[in-house]
PDB file of N, CA and C in Angstrom:
ATOM      1  N   MET A   1      -4.246  -4.277  21.908  1.00  0.00           N
ATOM      2  CA  MET A   1      -3.016  -5.033  21.927  1.00  0.00           C
ATOM      3  C   MET A   1      -2.113  -4.431  23.004  1.00  0.00           C
ATOM      4  N   SER A   2      -1.863  -5.122  24.070  1.00  0.00           N
ATOM      5  CA  SER A   2      -1.092  -4.552  25.168  1.00  0.00           C
ATOM      6  C   SER A   2       0.402  -4.546  24.869  1.00  0.00           C
ATOM      7  N   GLU A   3       0.962  -5.651  24.425  1.00  0.00           N
ATOM      8  CA  GLU A   3       2.374  -5.696  24.068  1.00  0.00           C
ATOM      9  C   GLU A   3       2.482  -6.148  22.623  1.00  0.00           C
ATOM     10  N   ILE A   4       3.221  -5.380  21.840  1.00  0.00           N
ATOM     11  CA  ILE A   4       3.296  -5.639  20.405  1.00  0.00           C
ATOM     12  C   ILE A   4       4.411  -6.638  20.111  1.00  0.00           C
ATOM     13  N   ASN A   5       4.078  -7.700  19.442  1.00  0.00           N
ATOM     14  CA  ASN A   5       5.043  -8.721  19.026  1.00  0.00           C
ATOM     15  C   ASN A   5       5.414  -8.436  17.572  1.00  0.00           C
ATOM     16  N   TRP A   6       6.480  -7.633  17.378  1.00  0.00           N
ATOM     17  CA  TRP A   6       6.870  -7.202  16.045  1.00  0.00           C
ATOM     18  C   TRP A   6       7.308  -8.371  15.167  1.00  0.00           C
ATOM     19  N   GLY A   7       7.929  -9.375  15.747  1.00  0.00           N
ATOM     20  CA  GLY A   7       8.330 -10.547  14.972  1.00  0.00           C
ATOM     21  C   GLY A   7       7.130 -11.247  14.363  1.00  0.00           C
ATOM     22  N   LYS A   8       6.081 -11.401  15.153  1.00  0.00           N
ATOM     23  CA  LYS A   8       4.862 -12.041  14.677  1.00  0.00           C
ATOM     24  C   LYS A   8       4.208 -11.202  13.575  1.00  0.00           C
ATOM     25  N   ILE A   9       4.168  -9.904  13.775  1.00  0.00           N
ATOM     26  CA  ILE A   9       3.562  -9.016  12.784  1.00  0.00           C
ATOM     27  C   ILE A   9       4.342  -9.092  11.472  1.00  0.00           C
ATOM     28  N   LYS A  10       5.660  -9.057  11.564  1.00  0.00           N
ATOM     29  CA  LYS A  10       6.479  -9.122  10.351  1.00  0.00           C
ATOM     30  C   LYS A  10       6.283 -10.469   9.652  1.00  0.00           C
ATOM     31  N   TRP A  11       6.246 -11.545  10.408  1.00  0.00           N
ATOM     32  CA  TRP A  11       6.056 -12.871   9.822  1.00  0.00           C
ATOM     33  C   TRP A  11       4.702 -12.964   9.106  1.00  0.00           C
ATOM     34  N   GLN A  12       3.654 -12.451   9.740  1.00  0.00           N
ATOM     35  CA  GLN A  12       2.325 -12.507   9.135  1.00  0.00           C
ATOM     36  C   GLN A  12       2.203 -11.579   7.922  1.00  0.00           C
ATOM     37  N   SER A  13       3.101 -10.607   7.835  1.00  0.00           N
ATOM     38  CA  SER A  13       3.093  -9.686   6.699  1.00  0.00           C
ATOM     39  C   SER A  13       3.740 -10.294   5.459  1.00  0.00           C
ATOM     40  N   ARG A  14       4.501 -11.362   5.640  1.00  0.00           N
ATOM     41  CA  ARG A  14       5.104 -12.062   4.502  1.00  0.00           C
ATOM     42  C   ARG A  14       4.021 -12.910   3.853  1.00  0.00           C
ATOM     43  N   ARG A  15       3.572 -12.466   2.708  1.00  0.00           N
ATOM     44  CA  ARG A  15       2.429 -13.117   2.083  1.00  0.00           C
ATOM     45  C   ARG A  15       2.833 -14.082   0.967  1.00  0.00           C
ATOM     46  N   GLY A  16       4.082 -14.032   0.518  1.00  0.00           N
ATOM     47  CA  GLY A  16       4.508 -14.924  -0.540  1.00  0.00           C
ATOM     48  C   GLY A  16       4.150 -14.420  -1.925  1.00  0.00           C
ATOM     49  N   MET A  17       3.537 -13.276  -1.995  1.00  0.00           N
ATOM     50  CA  MET A  17       3.227 -12.630  -3.276  1.00  0.00           C
ATOM     51  C   MET A  17       4.093 -11.375  -3.323  1.00  0.00           C
ATOM     52  N   ARG A  18       5.007 -11.340  -4.264  1.00  0.00           N
ATOM     53  CA  ARG A  18       5.996 -10.258  -4.312  1.00  0.00           C
ATOM     54  C   ARG A  18       5.360  -8.864  -4.239  1.00  0.00           C
ATOM     55  N   GLU A  19       4.281  -8.671  -4.955  1.00  0.00           N
ATOM     56  CA  GLU A  19       3.638  -7.360  -4.972  1.00  0.00           C
ATOM     57  C   GLU A  19       3.169  -6.938  -3.579  1.00  0.00           C
ATOM     58  N   LEU A  20       2.698  -7.894  -2.801  1.00  0.00           N
ATOM     59  CA  LEU A  20       2.269  -7.590  -1.437  1.00  0.00           C
ATOM     60  C   LEU A  20       3.466  -7.391  -0.519  1.00  0.00           C
ATOM     61  N   ASP A  21       4.443  -8.275  -0.633  1.00  0.00           N
ATOM     62  CA  ASP A  21       5.631  -8.174   0.221  1.00  0.00           C
ATOM     63  C   ASP A  21       6.346  -6.839   0.038  1.00  0.00           C
ATOM     64  N   LEU A  22       6.380  -6.327  -1.190  1.00  0.00           N
ATOM     65  CA  LEU A  22       7.046  -5.055  -1.464  1.00  0.00           C
ATOM     66  C   LEU A  22       6.328  -3.870  -0.831  1.00  0.00           C
ATOM     67  N   MET A  23       5.064  -4.030  -0.523  1.00  0.00           N
ATOM     68  CA  MET A  23       4.331  -2.956   0.143  1.00  0.00           C
ATOM     69  C   MET A  23       4.248  -3.167   1.648  1.00  0.00           C
ATOM     70  N   LEU A  24       3.968  -4.399   2.061  1.00  0.00           N
ATOM     71  CA  LEU A  24       3.709  -4.653   3.476  1.00  0.00           C
ATOM     72  C   LEU A  24       4.971  -4.685   4.332  1.00  0.00           C
ATOM     73  N   LEU A  25       6.019  -5.360   3.869  1.00  0.00           N
ATOM     74  CA  LEU A  25       7.213  -5.502   4.709  1.00  0.00           C
ATOM     75  C   LEU A  25       7.897  -4.163   5.006  1.00  0.00           C
ATOM     76  N   PRO A  26       8.106  -3.290   4.004  1.00  0.00           N
ATOM     77  CA  PRO A  26       8.674  -1.975   4.348  1.00  0.00           C
ATOM     78  C   PRO A  26       7.770  -1.167   5.277  1.00  0.00           C
ATOM     79  N   PHE A  27       6.453  -1.311   5.102  1.00  0.00           N
ATOM     80  CA  PHE A  27       5.521  -0.617   5.986  1.00  0.00           C
ATOM     81  C   PHE A  27       5.708  -1.069   7.426  1.00  0.00           C
ATOM     82  N   VAL A  28       5.826  -2.383   7.635  1.00  0.00           N
ATOM     83  CA  VAL A  28       5.998  -2.930   8.982  1.00  0.00           C
ATOM     84  C   VAL A  28       7.354  -2.540   9.562  1.00  0.00           C
ATOM     85  N   GLU A  29       8.373  -2.526   8.737  1.00  0.00           N
ATOM     86  CA  GLU A  29       9.721  -2.229   9.220  1.00  0.00           C
ATOM     87  C   GLU A  29       9.963  -0.754   9.475  1.00  0.00           C
ATOM     88  N   HIS A  30       9.394   0.121   8.642  1.00  0.00           N
ATOM     89  CA  HIS A  30       9.737   1.543   8.704  1.00  0.00           C
ATOM     90  C   HIS A  30       8.635   2.464   9.213  1.00  0.00           C
ATOM     91  N   ASP A  31       7.396   2.120   8.984  1.00  0.00           N
ATOM     92  CA  ASP A  31       6.304   3.053   9.280  1.00  0.00           C
ATOM     93  C   ASP A  31       5.478   2.659  10.501  1.00  0.00           C
ATOM     94  N   LEU A  32       5.048   1.424  10.543  1.00  0.00           N
ATOM     95  CA  LEU A  32       4.139   0.972  11.593  1.00  0.00           C
ATOM     96  C   LEU A  32       4.687   1.137  13.013  1.00  0.00           C
ATOM     97  N   PRO A  33       5.992   0.902  13.258  1.00  0.00           N
ATOM     98  CA  PRO A  33       6.480   1.036  14.640  1.00  0.00           C
ATOM     99  C   PRO A  33       6.283   2.422  15.261  1.00  0.00           C
ATOM    100  N   GLY A  34       6.179   3.460  14.443  1.00  0.00           N
ATOM    101  CA  GLY A  34       5.983   4.812  14.967  1.00  0.00           C
ATOM    102  C   GLY A  34       4.529   5.219  15.101  1.00  0.00           C
ATOM    103  N   MET A  35       3.636   4.311  14.804  1.00  0.00           N
ATOM    104  CA  MET A  35       2.211   4.632  14.834  1.00  0.00           C
ATOM    105  C   MET A  35       1.566   4.184  16.146  1.00  0.00           C
ATOM    106  N   ALA A  36       0.393   4.717  16.388  1.00  0.00           N
ATOM    107  CA  ALA A  36      -0.355   4.423  17.617  1.00  0.00           C
ATOM    108  C   ALA A  36      -0.736   2.940  17.689  1.00  0.00           C
ATOM    109  N   PRO A  37      -0.863   2.409  18.901  1.00  0.00           N
ATOM    110  CA  PRO A  37      -1.259   1.007  19.064  1.00  0.00           C
ATOM    111  C   PRO A  37      -2.574   0.655  18.365  1.00  0.00           C
ATOM    112  N   GLU A  38      -3.487   1.619  18.271  1.00  0.00           N
ATOM    113  CA  GLU A  38      -4.756   1.366  17.590  1.00  0.00           C
ATOM    114  C   GLU A  38      -4.531   1.093  16.102  1.00  0.00           C
ATOM    115  N   VAL A  39      -3.541   1.770  15.512  1.00  0.00           N
ATOM    116  CA  VAL A  39      -3.221   1.552  14.106  1.00  0.00           C
ATOM    117  C   VAL A  39      -2.622   0.161  13.928  1.00  0.00           C
ATOM    118  N   VAL A  40      -1.803  -0.260  14.879  1.00  0.00           N
ATOM    119  CA  VAL A  40      -1.244  -1.612  14.838  1.00  0.00           C
ATOM    120  C   VAL A  40      -2.378  -2.639  14.896  1.00  0.00           C
ATOM    121  N   ASP A  41      -3.359  -2.397  15.735  1.00  0.00           N
ATOM    122  CA  ASP A  41      -4.535  -3.286  15.815  1.00  0.00           C
ATOM    123  C   ASP A  41      -5.267  -3.327  14.468  1.00  0.00           C
ATOM    124  N   ASP A  42      -5.423  -2.160  13.842  1.00  0.00           N
ATOM    125  CA  ASP A  42      -6.081  -2.108  12.535  1.00  0.00           C
ATOM    126  C   ASP A  42      -5.278  -2.874  11.488  1.00  0.00           C
ATOM    127  N   TYR A  43      -3.971  -2.775  11.555  1.00  0.00           N
ATOM    128  CA  TYR A  43      -3.115  -3.511  10.624  1.00  0.00           C
ATOM    129  C   TYR A  43      -3.268  -5.016  10.824  1.00  0.00           C
ATOM    130  N   MET A  44      -3.294  -5.450  12.075  1.00  0.00           N
ATOM    131  CA  MET A  44      -3.467  -6.873  12.359  1.00  0.00           C
ATOM    132  C   MET A  44      -4.825  -7.363  11.835  1.00  0.00           C
ATOM    133  N   ASP A  45      -5.837  -6.535  11.950  1.00  0.00           N
ATOM    134  CA  ASP A  45      -7.144  -6.886  11.394  1.00  0.00           C
ATOM    135  C   ASP A  45      -7.048  -7.027   9.874  1.00  0.00           C
ATOM    136  N   LEU A  46      -6.323  -6.139   9.239  1.00  0.00           N
ATOM    137  CA  LEU A  46      -6.160  -6.188   7.787  1.00  0.00           C
ATOM    138  C   LEU A  46      -5.495  -7.493   7.350  1.00  0.00           C
ATOM    139  N   LEU A  47      -4.553  -7.969   8.151  1.00  0.00           N
ATOM    140  CA  LEU A  47      -3.843  -9.199   7.795  1.00  0.00           C
ATOM    141  C   LEU A  47      -4.732 -10.442   7.826  1.00  0.00           C
ATOM    142  N   ASP A  48      -5.928 -10.331   8.370  1.00  0.00           N
ATOM    143  CA  ASP A  48      -6.870 -11.450   8.346  1.00  0.00           C
ATOM    144  C   ASP A  48      -7.474 -11.656   6.954  1.00  0.00           C
ATOM    145  N   ALA A  49      -7.308 -10.678   6.084  1.00  0.00           N
ATOM    146  CA  ALA A  49      -7.832 -10.786   4.721  1.00  0.00           C
ATOM    147  C   ALA A  49      -6.977 -11.762   3.916  1.00  0.00           C
ATOM    148  N   THR A  50      -7.542 -12.273   2.840  1.00  0.00           N
ATOM    149  CA  THR A  50      -6.796 -13.175   1.968  1.00  0.00           C
ATOM    150  C   THR A  50      -5.777 -12.380   1.148  1.00  0.00           C
ATOM    151  N   ASP A  51      -4.816 -13.092   0.584  1.00  0.00           N
ATOM    152  CA  ASP A  51      -3.818 -12.437  -0.262  1.00  0.00           C
ATOM    153  C   ASP A  51      -4.493 -11.745  -1.449  1.00  0.00           C
ATOM    154  N   LEU A  52      -5.453 -12.405  -2.044  1.00  0.00           N
ATOM    155  CA  LEU A  52      -6.137 -11.824  -3.198  1.00  0.00           C
ATOM    156  C   LEU A  52      -6.889 -10.551  -2.816  1.00  0.00           C
ATOM    157  N   GLN A  53      -7.551 -10.572  -1.661  1.00  0.00           N
ATOM    158  CA  GLN A  53      -8.230  -9.356  -1.198  1.00  0.00           C
ATOM    159  C   GLN A  53      -7.215  -8.234  -0.992  1.00  0.00           C
ATOM    160  N   LEU A  54      -6.130  -8.532  -0.286  1.00  0.00           N
ATOM    161  CA  LEU A  54      -5.111  -7.514  -0.038  1.00  0.00           C
ATOM    162  C   LEU A  54      -4.555  -6.956  -1.345  1.00  0.00           C
ATOM    163  N   PHE A  55      -4.258  -7.846  -2.280  1.00  0.00           N
ATOM    164  CA  PHE A  55      -3.735  -7.405  -3.575  1.00  0.00           C
ATOM    165  C   PHE A  55      -4.706  -6.438  -4.246  1.00  0.00           C
ATOM    166  N   ARG A  56      -5.964  -6.810  -4.300  1.00  0.00           N
ATOM    167  CA  ARG A  56      -6.970  -5.964  -4.954  1.00  0.00           C
ATOM    168  C   ARG A  56      -7.159  -4.640  -4.230  1.00  0.00           C
ATOM    169  N   TRP A  57      -7.157  -4.674  -2.903  1.00  0.00           N
ATOM    170  CA  TRP A  57      -7.323  -3.441  -2.131  1.00  0.00           C
ATOM    171  C   TRP A  57      -6.122  -2.520  -2.294  1.00  0.00           C
ATOM    172  N   LEU A  58      -4.920  -3.083  -2.177  1.00  0.00           N
ATOM    173  CA  LEU A  58      -3.713  -2.252  -2.248  1.00  0.00           C
ATOM    174  C   LEU A  58      -3.429  -1.734  -3.653  1.00  0.00           C
ATOM    175  N   HIS A  59      -3.964  -2.420  -4.653  1.00  0.00           N
ATOM    176  CA  HIS A  59      -3.820  -1.946  -6.032  1.00  0.00           C
ATOM    177  C   HIS A  59      -5.086  -1.240  -6.520  1.00  0.00           C
ATOM    178  N   GLN A  60      -5.986  -1.024  -5.592  1.00  0.00           N
ATOM    179  CA  GLN A  60      -7.183  -0.210  -5.762  1.00  0.00           C
ATOM    180  C   GLN A  60      -8.086  -0.668  -6.909  1.00  0.00           C
ATOM    181  N   THR A  61      -8.180  -1.982  -7.079  1.00  0.00           N
ATOM    182  CA  THR A  61      -9.133  -2.511  -8.054  1.00  0.00           C
ATOM    183  C   THR A  61     -10.440  -2.894  -7.367  1.00  0.00           C
ATOM    184  N   GLU A  62     -10.409  -2.984  -6.046  1.00  0.00           N
ATOM    185  CA  GLU A  62     -11.605  -3.203  -5.227  1.00  0.00           C
ATOM    186  C   GLU A  62     -11.462  -2.395  -3.953  1.00  0.00           C
ATOM    187  N   SER A  63     -12.588  -2.144  -3.303  1.00  0.00           N
ATOM    188  CA  SER A  63     -12.576  -1.431  -2.033  1.00  0.00           C
ATOM    189  C   SER A  63     -12.641  -2.423  -0.879  1.00  0.00           C
ATOM    190  N   PRO A  64     -11.935  -2.123   0.204  1.00  0.00           N
ATOM    191  CA  PRO A  64     -12.007  -2.987   1.387  1.00  0.00           C
ATOM    192  C   PRO A  64     -13.429  -3.099   1.917  1.00  0.00           C
ATOM    193  N   ASP A  65     -13.636  -4.145   2.716  1.00  0.00           N
ATOM    194  CA  ASP A  65     -14.975  -4.466   3.203  1.00  0.00           C
ATOM    195  C   ASP A  65     -15.399  -3.716   4.457  1.00  0.00           C
ATOM    196  N   SER A  66     -14.563  -2.820   4.952  1.00  0.00           N
ATOM    197  CA  SER A  66     -14.940  -2.009   6.116  1.00  0.00           C
ATOM    198  C   SER A  66     -14.193  -0.680   6.066  1.00  0.00           C
ATOM    199  N   GLU A  67     -14.728   0.296   6.768  1.00  0.00           N
ATOM    200  CA  GLU A  67     -14.089   1.617   6.830  1.00  0.00           C
ATOM    201  C   GLU A  67     -12.728   1.513   7.517  1.00  0.00           C
ATOM    202  N   ARG A  68     -12.657   0.688   8.539  1.00  0.00           N
ATOM    203  CA  ARG A  68     -11.403   0.482   9.280  1.00  0.00           C
ATOM    204  C   ARG A  68     -10.299  -0.022   8.338  1.00  0.00           C
ATOM    205  N   ARG A  69     -10.635  -1.004   7.534  1.00  0.00           N
ATOM    206  CA  ARG A  69      -9.663  -1.555   6.583  1.00  0.00           C
ATOM    207  C   ARG A  69      -9.362  -0.548   5.468  1.00  0.00           C
ATOM    208  N   GLN A  70     -10.351   0.212   5.056  1.00  0.00           N
ATOM    209  CA  GLN A  70     -10.130   1.230   4.026  1.00  0.00           C
ATOM    210  C   GLN A  70      -9.087   2.245   4.489  1.00  0.00           C
ATOM    211  N   LYS A  71      -9.210   2.711   5.727  1.00  0.00           N
ATOM    212  CA  LYS A  71      -8.251   3.678   6.265  1.00  0.00           C
ATOM    213  C   LYS A  71      -6.849   3.080   6.339  1.00  0.00           C
ATOM    214  N   MET A  72      -6.762   1.808   6.724  1.00  0.00           N
ATOM    215  CA  MET A  72      -5.457   1.148   6.822  1.00  0.00           C
ATOM    216  C   MET A  72      -4.827   1.000   5.440  1.00  0.00           C
ATOM    217  N   VAL A  73      -5.614   0.618   4.458  1.00  0.00           N
ATOM    218  CA  VAL A  73      -5.113   0.495   3.086  1.00  0.00           C
ATOM    219  C   VAL A  73      -4.610   1.854   2.592  1.00  0.00           C
ATOM    220  N   GLU A  74      -5.351   2.907   2.845  1.00  0.00           N
ATOM    221  CA  GLU A  74      -4.942   4.253   2.438  1.00  0.00           C
ATOM    222  C   GLU A  74      -3.629   4.643   3.108  1.00  0.00           C
ATOM    223  N   THR A  75      -3.466   4.281   4.368  1.00  0.00           N
ATOM    224  CA  THR A  75      -2.226   4.580   5.089  1.00  0.00           C
ATOM    225  C   THR A  75      -1.049   3.840   4.469  1.00  0.00           C
ATOM    226  N   ILE A  76      -1.220   2.568   4.174  1.00  0.00           N
ATOM    227  CA  ILE A  76      -0.142   1.775   3.573  1.00  0.00           C
ATOM    228  C   ILE A  76       0.227   2.334   2.204  1.00  0.00           C
ATOM    229  N   ILE A  77      -0.760   2.667   1.388  1.00  0.00           N
ATOM    230  CA  ILE A  77      -0.498   3.224   0.058  1.00  0.00           C
ATOM    231  C   ILE A  77       0.249   4.544   0.163  1.00  0.00           C
ATOM    232  N   ALA A  78      -0.161   5.397   1.088  1.00  0.00           N
ATOM    233  CA  ALA A  78       0.510   6.688   1.268  1.00  0.00           C
ATOM    234  C   ALA A  78       1.955   6.506   1.716  1.00  0.00           C
ATOM    235  N   CYS A  79       2.189   5.605   2.643  1.00  0.00           N
ATOM    236  CA  CYS A  79       3.551   5.346   3.107  1.00  0.00           C
ATOM    237  C   CYS A  79       4.403   4.755   1.979  1.00  0.00           C
ATOM    238  N   HIS A  80       3.812   3.871   1.205  1.00  0.00           N
ATOM    239  CA  HIS A  80       4.516   3.261   0.078  1.00  0.00           C
ATOM    240  C   HIS A  80       4.916   4.328  -0.948  1.00  0.00           C
ATOM    241  N   ALA A  81       4.045   5.281  -1.189  1.00  0.00           N
ATOM    242  CA  ALA A  81       4.323   6.349  -2.157  1.00  0.00           C
ATOM    243  C   ALA A  81       5.510   7.205  -1.728  1.00  0.00           C
ATOM    244  N   THR A  82       5.703   7.366  -0.422  1.00  0.00           N
ATOM    245  CA  THR A  82       6.830   8.177   0.046  1.00  0.00           C
ATOM    246  C   THR A  82       8.166   7.465  -0.168  1.00  0.00           C
ATOM    247  N   ARG A  83       8.136   6.146  -0.349  1.00  0.00           N
ATOM    248  CA  ARG A  83       9.353   5.376  -0.569  1.00  0.00           C
ATOM    249  C   ARG A  83       9.664   5.159  -2.053  1.00  0.00           C
ATOM    250  N   ALA A  84       8.762   5.556  -2.928  1.00  0.00           N
ATOM    251  CA  ALA A  84       8.919   5.306  -4.368  1.00  0.00           C
ATOM    252  C   ALA A  84      10.280   5.799  -4.851  1.00  0.00           C
ATOM    253  N   GLY A  85      11.011   4.911  -5.512  1.00  0.00           N
ATOM    254  CA  GLY A  85      12.303   5.265  -6.067  1.00  0.00           C
ATOM    255  C   GLY A  85      13.475   5.139  -5.108  1.00  0.00           C
ATOM    256  N   ARG A  86      13.195   4.787  -3.858  1.00  0.00           N
ATOM    257  CA  ARG A  86      14.278   4.620  -2.875  1.00  0.00           C
ATOM    258  C   ARG A  86      14.570   3.142  -2.740  1.00  0.00           C
ATOM    259  N   GLU A  87      15.700   2.718  -3.232  1.00  0.00           N
ATOM    260  CA  GLU A  87      16.108   1.305  -3.203  1.00  0.00           C
ATOM    261  C   GLU A  87      16.217   0.788  -1.766  1.00  0.00           C
ATOM    262  N   GLY A  88      15.751  -0.421  -1.546  1.00  0.00           N
ATOM    263  CA  GLY A  88      15.933  -1.098  -0.270  1.00  0.00           C
ATOM    264  C   GLY A  88      15.050  -0.608   0.850  1.00  0.00           C
ATOM    265  N   VAL A  89      14.118   0.269   0.565  1.00  0.00           N
ATOM    266  CA  VAL A  89      13.228   0.769   1.615  1.00  0.00           C
ATOM    267  C   VAL A  89      11.806   0.568   1.191  1.00  0.00           C
TER     268      VAL A  89
END
């Protein structure tokens, strides 16, 4: 990805499922911008999954279908854990 379109990434992160939005949107707003472009590419790949797949992966009831997606899910979960209990973030 040569130039990152943050608006597009944020829009695609809005899944319409509250449980996903509460994890993905803060990740895109606070964590992803400071990460390497390769991680942004991995995140965009993750967004190709269905809402149900994302829900199951992020709530760890199923494993992602690739190592690349597994690492991205682990990153999102770890970032989400650092925000636990902090309102609005």
